[in-house]
Amino acid sequence: MRTYYVYILASIKKKLYIGVTGDLLKRVYQHKSKEVKGHTAKYNIDQLVYYEEHQDIKQAILREKQMKKWKRDWKINLINEKNSFWKDLYYRLIRG
């Protein structure tokens, strides 16, 4: 069974980006290495501060769209619930 991820990246200045992917490590690496042109590269948004897993791509996409509509405070509260120090979770994931 495949796993899909909805994730939130942040910059040092706490600018946020929400995305969805089937390969979280690869996608975050692409953001970190600036392979992904646009908003995340322009504003150095490359720290993985939140993610959640889904088994169904349609549910993951629906959740991503839902989260993008949320007010900024709601997004920040979601991050703080799971990652109150806003640590970059990418490095924890690559270590296993």
N, C-alpha and C. Protein backbone atom coordinates (compact mmCIF):
# COMPACT_ATOMS: atom_id res chain seq x y z
N MET A 1 0.84 -1.17 0.00
CA MET A 1 0.00 0.00 0.00
C MET A 1 0.89 1.25 0.00
N ARG A 2 0.52 2.22 -0.76
CA ARG A 2 1.29 3.46 -0.91
C ARG A 2 0.88 4.47 0.15
N THR A 3 1.84 5.29 0.55
CA THR A 3 1.58 6.35 1.51
C THR A 3 1.78 7.70 0.84
N TYR A 4 0.90 8.62 1.14
CA TYR A 4 0.98 9.99 0.62
C TYR A 4 1.09 10.93 1.80
N TYR A 5 1.70 12.05 1.58
CA TYR A 5 1.98 12.98 2.66
C TYR A 5 1.48 14.38 2.33
N VAL A 6 0.87 15.00 3.31
CA VAL A 6 0.58 16.43 3.27
C VAL A 6 1.62 17.03 4.21
N TYR A 7 2.30 18.06 3.74
CA TYR A 7 3.40 18.60 4.53
C TYR A 7 3.37 20.12 4.56
N ILE A 8 4.00 20.66 5.60
CA ILE A 8 4.16 22.10 5.71
C ILE A 8 5.65 22.40 5.85
N LEU A 9 6.11 23.29 4.99
CA LEU A 9 7.48 23.80 5.07
C LEU A 9 7.42 25.21 5.63
N ALA A 10 8.50 25.61 6.28
CA ALA A 10 8.58 26.97 6.81
C ALA A 10 9.96 27.55 6.52
N SER A 11 10.01 28.86 6.49
CA SER A 11 11.29 29.56 6.38
C SER A 11 11.70 30.01 7.78
N ILE A 12 12.88 30.55 7.88
CA ILE A 12 13.34 31.08 9.16
C ILE A 12 12.40 32.19 9.63
N LYS A 13 11.85 32.94 8.69
CA LYS A 13 10.93 34.03 9.03
C LYS A 13 9.49 33.54 9.16
N LYS A 14 9.31 32.23 9.17
CA LYS A 14 8.00 31.58 9.36
C LYS A 14 7.01 31.81 8.22
N LYS A 15 7.54 31.96 7.00
CA LYS A 15 6.66 31.91 5.83
C LYS A 15 6.34 30.43 5.64
N LEU A 16 5.12 30.12 5.22
CA LEU A 16 4.67 28.73 5.14
C LEU A 16 4.34 28.31 3.72
N TYR A 17 4.50 27.01 3.49
CA TYR A 17 4.11 26.40 2.22
C TYR A 17 3.50 25.05 2.54
N ILE A 18 2.37 24.72 1.93
CA ILE A 18 1.72 23.43 2.13
C ILE A 18 1.73 22.69 0.81
N GLY A 19 2.10 21.40 0.86
CA GLY A 19 2.13 20.59 -0.35
C GLY A 19 1.70 19.17 -0.07
N VAL A 20 1.63 18.39 -1.15
CA VAL A 20 1.29 16.97 -1.06
C VAL A 20 2.25 16.20 -1.95
N THR A 21 2.63 15.00 -1.52
CA THR A 21 3.59 14.21 -2.30
C THR A 21 3.46 12.72 -1.94
N GLY A 22 3.96 11.90 -2.82
CA GLY A 22 4.05 10.47 -2.56
C GLY A 22 5.42 10.06 -2.07
N ASP A 23 6.39 10.98 -2.11
CA ASP A 23 7.75 10.70 -1.66
C ASP A 23 8.25 11.92 -0.87
N LEU A 24 8.01 11.90 0.42
CA LEU A 24 8.28 13.06 1.25
C LEU A 24 9.75 13.44 1.28
N LEU A 25 10.63 12.48 1.47
CA LEU A 25 12.06 12.79 1.55
C LEU A 25 12.57 13.42 0.25
N LYS A 26 12.18 12.83 -0.85
CA LYS A 26 12.62 13.36 -2.16
C LYS A 26 12.08 14.77 -2.38
N ARG A 27 10.83 14.98 -2.06
CA ARG A 27 10.21 16.28 -2.31
C ARG A 27 10.82 17.37 -1.43
N VAL A 28 11.05 17.06 -0.17
CA VAL A 28 11.67 18.06 0.71
C VAL A 28 13.09 18.35 0.25
N TYR A 29 13.81 17.31 -0.16
CA TYR A 29 15.16 17.51 -0.70
C TYR A 29 15.12 18.46 -1.90
N GLN A 30 14.13 18.29 -2.77
CA GLN A 30 13.99 19.17 -3.93
C GLN A 30 13.79 20.62 -3.50
N HIS A 31 13.01 20.81 -2.46
CA HIS A 31 12.83 22.17 -1.94
C HIS A 31 14.14 22.71 -1.35
N LYS A 32 14.83 21.88 -0.58
CA LYS A 32 16.07 22.31 0.05
C LYS A 32 17.15 22.66 -0.97
N SER A 33 17.21 21.90 -2.04
CA SER A 33 18.24 22.13 -3.06
C SER A 33 17.80 23.13 -4.13
N LYS A 34 16.64 23.71 -3.93
CA LYS A 34 16.08 24.73 -4.83
C LYS A 34 15.79 24.20 -6.23
N GLU A 35 15.58 22.88 -6.34
CA GLU A 35 15.15 22.30 -7.61
C GLU A 35 13.74 22.75 -7.96
N VAL A 36 12.96 23.05 -6.93
CA VAL A 36 11.60 23.52 -7.12
C VAL A 36 11.66 25.04 -7.23
N LYS A 37 11.45 25.55 -8.42
CA LYS A 37 11.48 27.00 -8.63
C LYS A 37 10.17 27.61 -8.17
N GLY A 38 10.22 28.85 -7.79
CA GLY A 38 9.00 29.54 -7.40
C GLY A 38 9.03 30.01 -5.97
N HIS A 39 7.87 29.96 -5.34
CA HIS A 39 7.65 30.53 -4.01
C HIS A 39 8.63 30.00 -2.96
N THR A 40 8.81 28.68 -2.89
CA THR A 40 9.67 28.13 -1.84
C THR A 40 11.13 28.50 -2.05
N ALA A 41 11.58 28.50 -3.28
CA ALA A 41 12.97 28.88 -3.56
C ALA A 41 13.18 30.37 -3.31
N LYS A 42 12.25 31.17 -3.76
CA LYS A 42 12.36 32.62 -3.63
C LYS A 42 12.46 33.06 -2.16
N TYR A 43 11.67 32.43 -1.29
CA TYR A 43 11.61 32.84 0.11
C TYR A 43 12.34 31.88 1.06
N ASN A 44 13.16 30.98 0.51
CA ASN A 44 13.93 30.01 1.32
C ASN A 44 13.04 29.23 2.28
N ILE A 45 11.95 28.74 1.77
CA ILE A 45 11.02 27.93 2.56
C ILE A 45 11.41 26.47 2.35
N ASP A 46 12.19 25.93 3.29
CA ASP A 46 12.71 24.58 3.08
C ASP A 46 12.83 23.74 4.35
N GLN A 47 12.23 24.18 5.43
CA GLN A 47 12.28 23.40 6.67
C GLN A 47 10.97 22.65 6.86
N LEU A 48 11.06 21.34 6.92
CA LEU A 48 9.87 20.50 7.13
C LEU A 48 9.45 20.58 8.59
N VAL A 49 8.35 21.27 8.85
CA VAL A 49 7.93 21.48 10.24
C VAL A 49 6.69 20.66 10.61
N TYR A 50 6.03 20.08 9.61
CA TYR A 50 4.82 19.28 9.88
C TYR A 50 4.56 18.38 8.69
N TYR A 51 4.08 17.17 8.99
CA TYR A 51 3.58 16.30 7.92
C TYR A 51 2.60 15.31 8.51
N GLU A 52 1.75 14.82 7.65
CA GLU A 52 0.82 13.77 8.05
C GLU A 52 0.71 12.77 6.90
N GLU A 53 0.41 11.54 7.24
CA GLU A 53 0.34 10.45 6.27
C GLU A 53 -1.10 10.13 5.91
N HIS A 54 -1.28 9.74 4.65
CA HIS A 54 -2.59 9.33 4.14
C HIS A 54 -2.38 8.12 3.23
N GLN A 55 -3.34 7.21 3.23
CA GLN A 55 -3.26 6.03 2.38
C GLN A 55 -3.93 6.24 1.02
N ASP A 56 -4.72 7.28 0.92
CA ASP A 56 -5.49 7.56 -0.29
C ASP A 56 -5.08 8.93 -0.83
N ILE A 57 -4.64 8.98 -2.08
CA ILE A 57 -4.18 10.23 -2.68
C ILE A 57 -5.30 11.26 -2.73
N LYS A 58 -6.52 10.83 -2.96
CA LYS A 58 -7.64 11.78 -3.01
C LYS A 58 -7.84 12.44 -1.65
N GLN A 59 -7.71 11.66 -0.59
CA GLN A 59 -7.85 12.22 0.77
C GLN A 59 -6.70 13.19 1.07
N ALA A 60 -5.50 12.84 0.61
CA ALA A 60 -4.35 13.71 0.84
C ALA A 60 -4.53 15.05 0.11
N ILE A 61 -4.98 15.00 -1.11
CA ILE A 61 -5.20 16.23 -1.88
C ILE A 61 -6.31 17.06 -1.26
N LEU A 62 -7.36 16.40 -0.83
CA LEU A 62 -8.46 17.10 -0.17
C LEU A 62 -7.97 17.80 1.11
N ARG A 63 -7.17 17.10 1.88
CA ARG A 63 -6.63 17.67 3.12
C ARG A 63 -5.72 18.86 2.82
N GLU A 64 -4.88 18.73 1.78
CA GLU A 64 -4.00 19.84 1.40
C GLU A 64 -4.83 21.08 1.05
N LYS A 65 -5.85 20.90 0.24
CA LYS A 65 -6.71 22.02 -0.15
C LYS A 65 -7.39 22.63 1.06
N GLN A 66 -7.85 21.77 1.97
CA GLN A 66 -8.50 22.24 3.19
C GLN A 66 -7.54 23.09 4.01
N MET A 67 -6.33 22.60 4.20
CA MET A 67 -5.34 23.31 5.02
C MET A 67 -4.94 24.64 4.39
N LYS A 68 -4.86 24.68 3.08
CA LYS A 68 -4.48 25.92 2.40
C LYS A 68 -5.52 27.02 2.61
N LYS A 69 -6.75 26.63 2.88
CA LYS A 69 -7.82 27.61 3.12
C LYS A 69 -7.83 28.12 4.55
N TRP A 70 -7.15 27.42 5.45
CA TRP A 70 -7.14 27.80 6.85
C TRP A 70 -6.45 29.14 7.06
N LYS A 71 -6.85 29.82 8.11
CA LYS A 71 -6.16 31.04 8.52
C LYS A 71 -4.77 30.67 9.00
N ARG A 72 -3.86 31.62 8.90
CA ARG A 72 -2.47 31.40 9.31
C ARG A 72 -2.37 30.90 10.75
N ASP A 73 -3.15 31.48 11.66
CA ASP A 73 -3.11 31.06 13.06
C ASP A 73 -3.44 29.58 13.22
N TRP A 74 -4.37 29.07 12.45
CA TRP A 74 -4.74 27.66 12.53
C TRP A 74 -3.57 26.78 12.10
N LYS A 75 -2.89 27.20 11.05
CA LYS A 75 -1.73 26.44 10.56
C LYS A 75 -0.62 26.43 11.61
N ILE A 76 -0.39 27.58 12.20
CA ILE A 76 0.65 27.68 13.23
C ILE A 76 0.29 26.81 14.43
N ASN A 77 -0.97 26.81 14.84
CA ASN A 77 -1.39 25.95 15.95
C ASN A 77 -1.19 24.48 15.63
N LEU A 78 -1.48 24.08 14.40
CA LEU A 78 -1.28 22.69 13.99
C LEU A 78 0.19 22.31 14.11
N ILE A 79 1.06 23.17 13.64
CA ILE A 79 2.51 22.91 13.73
C ILE A 79 2.92 22.84 15.20
N ASN A 80 2.48 23.80 16.00
CA ASN A 80 2.87 23.84 17.41
C ASN A 80 2.42 22.61 18.19
N GLU A 81 1.28 22.02 17.82
CA GLU A 81 0.80 20.81 18.50
C GLU A 81 1.77 19.65 18.35
N LYS A 82 2.39 19.53 17.20
CA LYS A 82 3.26 18.38 16.91
C LYS A 82 4.75 18.72 16.98
N ASN A 83 5.09 20.00 16.81
CA ASN A 83 6.48 20.38 16.67
C ASN A 83 6.66 21.80 17.23
N SER A 84 6.54 21.92 18.53
CA SER A 84 6.48 23.23 19.18
C SER A 84 7.76 24.06 19.01
N PHE A 85 8.88 23.41 18.75
CA PHE A 85 10.13 24.15 18.55
C PHE A 85 10.44 24.39 17.07
N TRP A 86 9.52 23.97 16.21
CA TRP A 86 9.66 24.15 14.76
C TRP A 86 10.98 23.56 14.25
N LYS A 87 11.36 22.40 14.76
CA LYS A 87 12.57 21.74 14.29
C LYS A 87 12.34 21.20 12.88
N ASP A 88 13.40 21.15 12.10
CA ASP A 88 13.32 20.61 10.75
C ASP A 88 13.25 19.08 10.84
N LEU A 89 12.09 18.52 10.57
CA LEU A 89 11.85 17.09 10.72
C LEU A 89 12.51 16.25 9.63
N TYR A 90 12.95 16.88 8.59
CA TYR A 90 13.60 16.18 7.47
C TYR A 90 14.78 15.35 7.96
N TYR A 91 15.61 15.94 8.80
CA TYR A 91 16.83 15.24 9.25
C TYR A 91 16.50 14.07 10.16
N ARG A 92 15.43 14.17 10.91
CA ARG A 92 14.97 13.05 11.72
C ARG A 92 14.51 11.90 10.83
N LEU A 93 13.83 12.24 9.74
CA LEU A 93 13.33 11.22 8.83
C LEU A 93 14.46 10.50 8.08
N ILE A 94 15.47 11.24 7.65
CA ILE A 94 16.53 10.58 6.89
C ILE A 94 17.40 9.69 7.77
N ARG A 95 17.41 9.98 9.08
CA ARG A 95 18.16 9.13 10.01
C ARG A 95 17.36 7.88 10.39
N GLY A 96 16.04 7.92 10.12
CA GLY A 96 15.21 6.76 10.44
C GLY A 96 14.63 6.92 11.76
